[in-house]
């Protein structure tokens, strides 16, 4: 599998590290309470189909990426810088 880093171009998967579901970009507000933070930190879906994930280009520019990948066939549907989407 290959990923296209928006900063470095197409690279082999071995340069990247999977960091978790992209829901981590949507951190609850401090006043949301303990239950909201527990859900944020622990609860994860396991969908069959397109799934938004966080990857880090550890072997390159070290940028955080939001990758939309189909979990059924590992097809990469979209790659974007996570910092651009978290705004």
PDB file of N, CA and C in Angstrom:
ATOM      1  N   UNK A   1       0.847  -1.170   0.000  1.00  0.00           N
ATOM      2  CA  UNK A   1       0.000   0.000   0.000  1.00  0.00           C
ATOM      3  C   UNK A   1       0.896   1.237   0.000  1.00  0.00           C
ATOM      4  N   UNK A   2       0.484   2.260  -0.709  1.00  0.00           N
ATOM      5  CA  UNK A   2       1.213   3.523  -0.776  1.00  0.00           C
ATOM      6  C   UNK A   2       0.277   4.661  -0.377  1.00  0.00           C
ATOM      7  N   UNK A   3       0.843   5.651   0.298  1.00  0.00           N
ATOM      8  CA  UNK A   3       0.090   6.841   0.679  1.00  0.00           C
ATOM      9  C   UNK A   3       0.722   8.051   0.001  1.00  0.00           C
ATOM     10  N   UNK A   4      -0.101   9.019  -0.327  1.00  0.00           N
ATOM     11  CA  UNK A   4       0.396  10.254  -0.923  1.00  0.00           C
ATOM     12  C   UNK A   4       0.397  11.329   0.157  1.00  0.00           C
ATOM     13  N   UNK A   5       1.588  11.652   0.642  1.00  0.00           N
ATOM     14  CA  UNK A   5       1.740  12.716   1.629  1.00  0.00           C
ATOM     15  C   UNK A   5       1.561  14.044   0.896  1.00  0.00           C
ATOM     16  N   UNK A   6       0.706  14.936   1.405  1.00  0.00           N
ATOM     17  CA  UNK A   6       0.516  16.230   0.749  1.00  0.00           C
ATOM     18  C   UNK A   6       1.794  17.073   0.667  1.00  0.00           C
ATOM     19  N   UNK A   7       2.769  16.787   1.530  1.00  0.00           N
ATOM     20  CA  UNK A   7       4.011  17.559   1.543  1.00  0.00           C
ATOM     21  C   UNK A   7       5.159  16.875   0.794  1.00  0.00           C
ATOM     22  N   UNK A   8       5.194  15.531   0.817  1.00  0.00           N
ATOM     23  CA  UNK A   8       6.331  14.791   0.260  1.00  0.00           C
ATOM     24  C   UNK A   8       6.009  13.995  -1.002  1.00  0.00           C
ATOM     25  N   UNK A   9       4.747  13.826  -1.310  1.00  0.00           N
ATOM     26  CA  UNK A   9       4.371  13.029  -2.476  1.00  0.00           C
ATOM     27  C   UNK A   9       4.115  11.573  -2.115  1.00  0.00           C
ATOM     28  N   UNK A  10       4.046  10.729  -3.118  1.00  0.00           N
ATOM     29  CA  UNK A  10       3.724   9.312  -2.913  1.00  0.00           C
ATOM     30  C   UNK A  10       4.884   8.595  -2.230  1.00  0.00           C
ATOM     31  N   UNK A  11       4.540   7.841  -1.188  1.00  0.00           N
ATOM     32  CA  UNK A  11       5.545   7.125  -0.399  1.00  0.00           C
ATOM     33  C   UNK A  11       5.031   5.734  -0.031  1.00  0.00           C
ATOM     34  N   UNK A  12       5.966   4.853   0.284  1.00  0.00           N
ATOM     35  CA  UNK A  12       5.640   3.502   0.730  1.00  0.00           C
ATOM     36  C   UNK A  12       5.043   3.545   2.129  1.00  0.00           C
ATOM     37  N   UNK A  13       4.152   2.636   2.414  1.00  0.00           N
ATOM     38  CA  UNK A  13       3.456   2.568   3.700  1.00  0.00           C
ATOM     39  C   UNK A  13       4.420   2.466   4.884  1.00  0.00           C
ATOM     40  N   UNK A  14       5.590   1.881   4.676  1.00  0.00           N
ATOM     41  CA  UNK A  14       6.537   1.683   5.780  1.00  0.00           C
ATOM     42  C   UNK A  14       7.054   2.994   6.363  1.00  0.00           C
ATOM     43  N   UNK A  15       6.861   4.119   5.665  1.00  0.00           N
ATOM     44  CA  UNK A  15       7.270   5.422   6.196  1.00  0.00           C
ATOM     45  C   UNK A  15       6.239   6.002   7.156  1.00  0.00           C
ATOM     46  N   UNK A  16       5.056   5.397   7.230  1.00  0.00           N
ATOM     47  CA  UNK A  16       3.940   5.940   8.003  1.00  0.00           C
ATOM     48  C   UNK A  16       3.610   5.049   9.194  1.00  0.00           C
ATOM     49  N   UNK A  17       3.044   5.668  10.228  1.00  0.00           N
ATOM     50  CA  UNK A  17       2.602   4.947  11.418  1.00  0.00           C
ATOM     51  C   UNK A  17       1.131   5.267  11.648  1.00  0.00           C
ATOM     52  N   UNK A  18       0.330   4.211  11.825  1.00  0.00           N
ATOM     53  CA  UNK A  18      -1.097   4.372  12.120  1.00  0.00           C
ATOM     54  C   UNK A  18      -1.239   4.844  13.556  1.00  0.00           C
ATOM     55  N   UNK A  19      -2.034   5.900  13.772  1.00  0.00           N
ATOM     56  CA  UNK A  19      -2.181   6.469  15.119  1.00  0.00           C
ATOM     57  C   UNK A  19      -3.591   6.364  15.681  1.00  0.00           C
ATOM     58  N   UNK A  20      -4.547   5.873  14.917  1.00  0.00           N
ATOM     59  CA  UNK A  20      -5.891   5.697  15.452  1.00  0.00           C
ATOM     60  C   UNK A  20      -6.959   6.317  14.572  1.00  0.00           C
ATOM     61  N   UNK A  21      -8.175   6.223  15.047  1.00  0.00           N
ATOM     62  CA  UNK A  21      -9.316   6.757  14.312  1.00  0.00           C
ATOM     63  C   UNK A  21      -9.279   8.281  14.309  1.00  0.00           C
ATOM     64  N   UNK A  22      -9.735   8.882  13.236  1.00  0.00           N
ATOM     65  CA  UNK A  22      -9.691  10.340  13.097  1.00  0.00           C
ATOM     66  C   UNK A  22     -10.670  11.055  14.031  1.00  0.00           C
ATOM     67  N   UNK A  23     -11.487  10.326  14.761  1.00  0.00           N
ATOM     68  CA  UNK A  23     -12.366  10.978  15.744  1.00  0.00           C
ATOM     69  C   UNK A  23     -11.537  11.688  16.813  1.00  0.00           C
ATOM     70  N   UNK A  24     -10.251  11.337  16.913  1.00  0.00           N
ATOM     71  CA  UNK A  24      -9.374  12.003  17.879  1.00  0.00           C
ATOM     72  C   UNK A  24      -9.195  13.483  17.556  1.00  0.00           C
ATOM     73  N   UNK A  25      -9.520  13.886  16.334  1.00  0.00           N
ATOM     74  CA  UNK A  25      -9.456  15.304  15.969  1.00  0.00           C
ATOM     75  C   UNK A  25     -10.588  16.106  16.607  1.00  0.00           C
ATOM     76  N   UNK A  26     -11.631  15.420  17.075  1.00  0.00           N
ATOM     77  CA  UNK A  26     -12.798  16.089  17.656  1.00  0.00           C
ATOM     78  C   UNK A  26     -12.822  15.908  19.179  1.00  0.00           C
ATOM     79  N   UNK A  27     -11.868  16.505  19.851  1.00  0.00           N
ATOM     80  CA  UNK A  27     -11.763  16.399  21.304  1.00  0.00           C
ATOM     81  C   UNK A  27     -12.922  17.136  21.972  1.00  0.00           C
ATOM     82  N   UNK A  28     -13.515  16.517  23.017  1.00  0.00           N
ATOM     83  CA  UNK A  28     -14.619  17.194  23.718  1.00  0.00           C
ATOM     84  C   UNK A  28     -14.142  18.447  24.455  1.00  0.00           C
ATOM     85  N   UNK A  29     -15.049  19.364  24.660  1.00  0.00           N
ATOM     86  CA  UNK A  29     -14.749  20.578  25.417  1.00  0.00           C
ATOM     87  C   UNK A  29     -14.454  20.205  26.874  1.00  0.00           C
ATOM     88  N   UNK A  30     -13.636  20.989  27.575  1.00  0.00           N
ATOM     89  CA  UNK A  30     -13.297  20.672  28.969  1.00  0.00           C
ATOM     90  C   UNK A  30     -14.514  20.497  29.873  1.00  0.00           C
ATOM     91  N   UNK A  31     -15.586  21.224  29.603  1.00  0.00           N
ATOM     92  CA  UNK A  31     -16.782  21.130  30.447  1.00  0.00           C
ATOM     93  C   UNK A  31     -17.684  19.948  30.067  1.00  0.00           C
ATOM     94  N   UNK A  32     -17.288  19.125  29.105  1.00  0.00           N
ATOM     95  CA  UNK A  32     -18.126  18.015  28.632  1.00  0.00           C
ATOM     96  C   UNK A  32     -18.299  16.910  29.679  1.00  0.00           C
ATOM     97  N   UNK A  33     -17.373  16.785  30.593  1.00  0.00           N
ATOM     98  CA  UNK A  33     -17.499  15.789  31.646  1.00  0.00           C
ATOM     99  C   UNK A  33     -16.705  14.521  31.380  1.00  0.00           C
ATOM    100  N   UNK A  34     -16.609  13.696  32.423  1.00  0.00           N
ATOM    101  CA  UNK A  34     -15.793  12.480  32.375  1.00  0.00           C
ATOM    102  C   UNK A  34     -16.315  11.461  31.372  1.00  0.00           C
ATOM    103  N   UNK A  35     -17.626  11.315  31.257  1.00  0.00           N
ATOM    104  CA  UNK A  35     -18.197  10.315  30.336  1.00  0.00           C
ATOM    105  C   UNK A  35     -17.837  10.642  28.890  1.00  0.00           C
ATOM    106  N   UNK A  36     -17.852  11.929  28.537  1.00  0.00           N
ATOM    107  CA  UNK A  36     -17.497  12.335  27.169  1.00  0.00           C
ATOM    108  C   UNK A  36     -16.030  12.042  26.887  1.00  0.00           C
ATOM    109  N   UNK A  37     -15.151  12.262  27.861  1.00  0.00           N
ATOM    110  CA  UNK A  37     -13.731  11.980  27.659  1.00  0.00           C
ATOM    111  C   UNK A  37     -13.461  10.485  27.605  1.00  0.00           C
ATOM    112  N   UNK A  38     -14.158   9.711  28.409  1.00  0.00           N
ATOM    113  CA  UNK A  38     -14.011   8.264  28.354  1.00  0.00           C
ATOM    114  C   UNK A  38     -14.416   7.743  26.977  1.00  0.00           C
ATOM    115  N   UNK A  39     -15.526   8.220  26.465  1.00  0.00           N
ATOM    116  CA  UNK A  39     -15.978   7.824  25.132  1.00  0.00           C
ATOM    117  C   UNK A  39     -14.958   8.239  24.067  1.00  0.00           C
ATOM    118  N   UNK A  40     -14.417   9.436  24.189  1.00  0.00           N
ATOM    119  CA  UNK A  40     -13.415   9.964  23.258  1.00  0.00           C
ATOM    120  C   UNK A  40     -12.145   9.117  23.245  1.00  0.00           C
ATOM    121  N   UNK A  41     -11.702   8.679  24.419  1.00  0.00           N
ATOM    122  CA  UNK A  41     -10.445   7.946  24.534  1.00  0.00           C
ATOM    123  C   UNK A  41     -10.557   6.448  24.259  1.00  0.00           C
ATOM    124  N   UNK A  42     -11.705   5.847  24.534  1.00  0.00           N
ATOM    125  CA  UNK A  42     -11.805   4.388  24.526  1.00  0.00           C
ATOM    126  C   UNK A  42     -12.705   3.826  23.430  1.00  0.00           C
ATOM    127  N   UNK A  43     -13.857   4.419  23.210  1.00  0.00           N
ATOM    128  CA  UNK A  43     -14.854   3.839  22.312  1.00  0.00           C
ATOM    129  C   UNK A  43     -14.461   4.049  20.853  1.00  0.00           C
ATOM    130  N   UNK A  44     -14.405   2.962  20.090  1.00  0.00           N
ATOM    131  CA  UNK A  44     -14.072   3.029  18.673  1.00  0.00           C
ATOM    132  C   UNK A  44     -15.022   2.148  17.870  1.00  0.00           C
ATOM    133  N   UNK A  45     -15.403   2.647  16.701  1.00  0.00           N
ATOM    134  CA  UNK A  45     -16.174   1.842  15.760  1.00  0.00           C
ATOM    135  C   UNK A  45     -15.206   0.965  14.972  1.00  0.00           C
ATOM    136  N   UNK A  46     -15.729  -0.097  14.378  1.00  0.00           N
ATOM    137  CA  UNK A  46     -14.935  -0.966  13.518  1.00  0.00           C
ATOM    138  C   UNK A  46     -15.726  -1.176  12.229  1.00  0.00           C
ATOM    139  N   UNK A  47     -15.827  -0.122  11.396  1.00  0.00           N
ATOM    140  CA  UNK A  47     -16.691  -0.205  10.223  1.00  0.00           C
ATOM    141  C   UNK A  47     -16.080  -1.029   9.094  1.00  0.00           C
ATOM    142  N   UNK A  48     -16.929  -1.642   8.308  1.00  0.00           N
ATOM    143  CA  UNK A  48     -16.514  -2.283   7.068  1.00  0.00           C
ATOM    144  C   UNK A  48     -16.834  -1.285   5.964  1.00  0.00           C
ATOM    145  N   UNK A  49     -15.807  -0.701   5.389  1.00  0.00           N
ATOM    146  CA  UNK A  49     -15.988   0.325   4.371  1.00  0.00           C
ATOM    147  C   UNK A  49     -15.107   1.517   4.663  1.00  0.00           C
ATOM    148  N   UNK A  50     -15.433   2.678   4.106  1.00  0.00           N
ATOM    149  CA  UNK A  50     -14.609   3.865   4.313  1.00  0.00           C
ATOM    150  C   UNK A  50     -14.508   4.252   5.786  1.00  0.00           C
ATOM    151  N   UNK A  51     -13.278   4.520   6.204  1.00  0.00           N
ATOM    152  CA  UNK A  51     -13.003   4.847   7.597  1.00  0.00           C
ATOM    153  C   UNK A  51     -11.945   5.942   7.633  1.00  0.00           C
ATOM    154  N   UNK A  52     -12.178   7.014   8.400  1.00  0.00           N
ATOM    155  CA  UNK A  52     -11.208   8.092   8.553  1.00  0.00           C
ATOM    156  C   UNK A  52     -10.224   7.734   9.663  1.00  0.00           C
ATOM    157  N   UNK A  53      -8.934   7.819   9.344  1.00  0.00           N
ATOM    158  CA  UNK A  53      -7.880   7.407  10.270  1.00  0.00           C
ATOM    159  C   UNK A  53      -6.810   8.485  10.358  1.00  0.00           C
ATOM    160  N   UNK A  54      -6.056   8.463  11.463  1.00  0.00           N
ATOM    161  CA  UNK A  54      -4.897   9.347  11.619  1.00  0.00           C
ATOM    162  C   UNK A  54      -3.625   8.533  11.375  1.00  0.00           C
ATOM    163  N   UNK A  55      -2.772   9.066  10.535  1.00  0.00           N
ATOM    164  CA  UNK A  55      -1.471   8.462  10.258  1.00  0.00           C
ATOM    165  C   UNK A  55      -0.421   9.553  10.426  1.00  0.00           C
ATOM    166  N   UNK A  56       0.790   9.159  10.816  1.00  0.00           N
ATOM    167  CA  UNK A  56       1.885  10.116  10.899  1.00  0.00           C
ATOM    168  C   UNK A  56       2.981   9.696   9.935  1.00  0.00           C
ATOM    169  N   UNK A  57       3.492  10.654   9.169  1.00  0.00           N
ATOM    170  CA  UNK A  57       4.578  10.382   8.226  1.00  0.00           C
ATOM    171  C   UNK A  57       5.890  10.408   9.005  1.00  0.00           C
ATOM    172  N   UNK A  58       6.078   9.378   9.805  1.00  0.00           N
ATOM    173  CA  UNK A  58       7.205   9.309  10.729  1.00  0.00           C
ATOM    174  C   UNK A  58       8.544   9.195  10.015  1.00  0.00           C
ATOM    175  N   UNK A  59       8.579   8.515   8.880  1.00  0.00           N
ATOM    176  CA  UNK A  59       9.829   8.336   8.149  1.00  0.00           C
ATOM    177  C   UNK A  59      10.084   9.434   7.142  1.00  0.00           C
ATOM    178  N   UNK A  60       9.375  10.532   7.255  1.00  0.00           N
ATOM    179  CA  UNK A  60       9.531  11.641   6.316  1.00  0.00           C
ATOM    180  C   UNK A  60       9.393  12.972   7.025  1.00  0.00           C
ATOM    181  N   UNK A  61       8.387  13.738   6.656  1.00  0.00           N
ATOM    182  CA  UNK A  61       8.201  15.102   7.171  1.00  0.00           C
ATOM    183  C   UNK A  61       7.570  15.150   8.565  1.00  0.00           C
ATOM    184  N   UNK A  62       7.131  13.996   9.084  1.00  0.00           N
ATOM    185  CA  UNK A  62       6.520  13.849  10.408  1.00  0.00           C
ATOM    186  C   UNK A  62       5.140  14.499  10.518  1.00  0.00           C
ATOM    187  N   UNK A  63       4.534  14.850   9.402  1.00  0.00           N
ATOM    188  CA  UNK A  63       3.204  15.459   9.411  1.00  0.00           C
ATOM    189  C   UNK A  63       2.148  14.434   9.822  1.00  0.00           C
ATOM    190  N   UNK A  64       1.081  14.940  10.453  1.00  0.00           N
ATOM    191  CA  UNK A  64      -0.080  14.126  10.787  1.00  0.00           C
ATOM    192  C   UNK A  64      -1.057  14.206   9.627  1.00  0.00           C
ATOM    193  N   UNK A  65      -1.574  13.062   9.203  1.00  0.00           N
ATOM    194  CA  UNK A  65      -2.470  12.987   8.061  1.00  0.00           C
ATOM    195  C   UNK A  65      -3.795  12.370   8.453  1.00  0.00           C
ATOM    196  N   UNK A  66      -4.859  12.836   7.830  1.00  0.00           N
ATOM    197  CA  UNK A  66      -6.163  12.182   7.940  1.00  0.00           C
ATOM    198  C   UNK A  66      -6.346  11.409   6.643  1.00  0.00           C
ATOM    199  N   UNK A  67      -6.384  10.088   6.780  1.00  0.00           N
ATOM    200  CA  UNK A  67      -6.493   9.194   5.627  1.00  0.00           C
ATOM    201  C   UNK A  67      -7.861   8.533   5.670  1.00  0.00           C
ATOM    202  N   UNK A  68      -8.597   8.607   4.575  1.00  0.00           N
ATOM    203  CA  UNK A  68      -9.853   7.869   4.453  1.00  0.00           C
ATOM    204  C   UNK A  68      -9.518   6.620   3.653  1.00  0.00           C
ATOM    205  N   UNK A  69      -9.700   5.460   4.310  1.00  0.00           N
ATOM    206  CA  UNK A  69      -9.306   4.183   3.734  1.00  0.00           C
ATOM    207  C   UNK A  69     -10.476   3.220   3.828  1.00  0.00           C
ATOM    208  N   UNK A  70     -10.696   2.463   2.763  1.00  0.00           N
ATOM    209  CA  UNK A  70     -11.733   1.434   2.759  1.00  0.00           C
ATOM    210  C   UNK A  70     -11.152   0.200   3.451  1.00  0.00           C
ATOM    211  N   UNK A  71     -11.727  -0.178   4.582  1.00  0.00           N
ATOM    212  CA  UNK A  71     -11.183  -1.286   5.361  1.00  0.00           C
ATOM    213  C   UNK A  71     -11.406  -2.645   4.714  1.00  0.00           C
ATOM    214  N   UNK A  72     -12.270  -2.714   3.703  1.00  0.00           N
ATOM    215  CA  UNK A  72     -12.514  -3.997   3.028  1.00  0.00           C
ATOM    216  C   UNK A  72     -11.398  -4.358   2.059  1.00  0.00           C
ATOM    217  N   UNK A  73     -10.823  -3.371   1.378  1.00  0.00           N
ATOM    218  CA  UNK A  73      -9.787  -3.673   0.386  1.00  0.00           C
ATOM    219  C   UNK A  73      -8.547  -2.785   0.522  1.00  0.00           C
ATOM    220  N   UNK A  74      -8.483  -1.972   1.565  1.00  0.00           N
ATOM    221  CA  UNK A  74      -7.358  -1.074   1.871  1.00  0.00           C
ATOM    222  C   UNK A  74      -7.146   0.011   0.825  1.00  0.00           C
ATOM    223  N   UNK A  75      -8.131   0.280  -0.011  1.00  0.00           N
ATOM    224  CA  UNK A  75      -8.017   1.353  -0.993  1.00  0.00           C
ATOM    225  C   UNK A  75      -8.013   2.695  -0.273  1.00  0.00           C
ATOM    226  N   UNK A  76      -7.040   3.540  -0.597  1.00  0.00           N
ATOM    227  CA  UNK A  76      -6.948   4.872  -0.009  1.00  0.00           C
ATOM    228  C   UNK A  76      -7.810   5.802  -0.852  1.00  0.00           C
ATOM    229  N   UNK A  77      -8.809   6.410  -0.213  1.00  0.00           N
ATOM    230  CA  UNK A  77      -9.761   7.258  -0.913  1.00  0.00           C
ATOM    231  C   UNK A  77      -9.414   8.735  -0.823  1.00  0.00           C
ATOM    232  N   UNK A  78      -8.737   9.135   0.250  1.00  0.00           N
ATOM    233  CA  UNK A  78      -8.436  10.555   0.468  1.00  0.00           C
ATOM    234  C   UNK A  78      -7.308  10.695   1.475  1.00  0.00           C
ATOM    235  N   UNK A  79      -6.441  11.678   1.270  1.00  0.00           N
ATOM    236  CA  UNK A  79      -5.370  12.013   2.218  1.00  0.00           C
ATOM    237  C   UNK A  79      -5.323  13.532   2.352  1.00  0.00           C
ATOM    238  N   UNK A  80      -5.283  14.018   3.587  1.00  0.00           N
ATOM    239  CA  UNK A  80      -5.205  15.455   3.841  1.00  0.00           C
ATOM    240  C   UNK A  80      -4.401  15.693   5.114  1.00  0.00           C
ATOM    241  N   UNK A  81      -3.817  16.874   5.224  1.00  0.00           N
ATOM    242  CA  UNK A  81      -3.111  17.239   6.452  1.00  0.00           C
ATOM    243  C   UNK A  81      -4.132  17.387   7.579  1.00  0.00           C
ATOM    244  N   UNK A  82      -3.875  16.730   8.700  1.00  0.00           N
ATOM    245  CA  UNK A  82      -4.798  16.786   9.835  1.00  0.00           C
ATOM    246  C   UNK A  82      -4.921  18.195  10.376  1.00  0.00           C
ATOM    247  N   UNK A  83      -3.843  18.956  10.349  1.00  0.00           N
ATOM    248  CA  UNK A  83      -3.897  20.327  10.894  1.00  0.00           C
ATOM    249  C   UNK A  83      -4.833  21.222  10.109  1.00  0.00           C
ATOM    250  N   UNK A  84      -5.012  20.933   8.820  1.00  0.00           N
ATOM    251  CA  UNK A  84      -5.927  21.722   7.997  1.00  0.00           C
ATOM    252  C   UNK A  84      -7.389  21.392   8.323  1.00  0.00           C
ATOM    253  N   UNK A  85      -7.648  20.160   8.724  1.00  0.00           N
ATOM    254  CA  UNK A  85      -9.012  19.723   8.995  1.00  0.00           C
ATOM    255  C   UNK A  85      -9.451  20.021  10.419  1.00  0.00           C
ATOM    256  N   UNK A  86      -8.494  20.202  11.326  1.00  0.00           N
ATOM    257  CA  UNK A  86      -8.821  20.426  12.737  1.00  0.00           C
ATOM    258  C   UNK A  86      -9.199  21.885  13.013  1.00  0.00           C
ATOM    259  N   UNK A  87      -9.080  22.743  12.044  1.00  0.00           N
ATOM    260  CA  UNK A  87      -9.388  24.165  12.249  1.00  0.00           C
ATOM    261  C   UNK A  87     -10.851  24.419  12.304  1.00  0.00           C
TER     262      UNK A  87
END
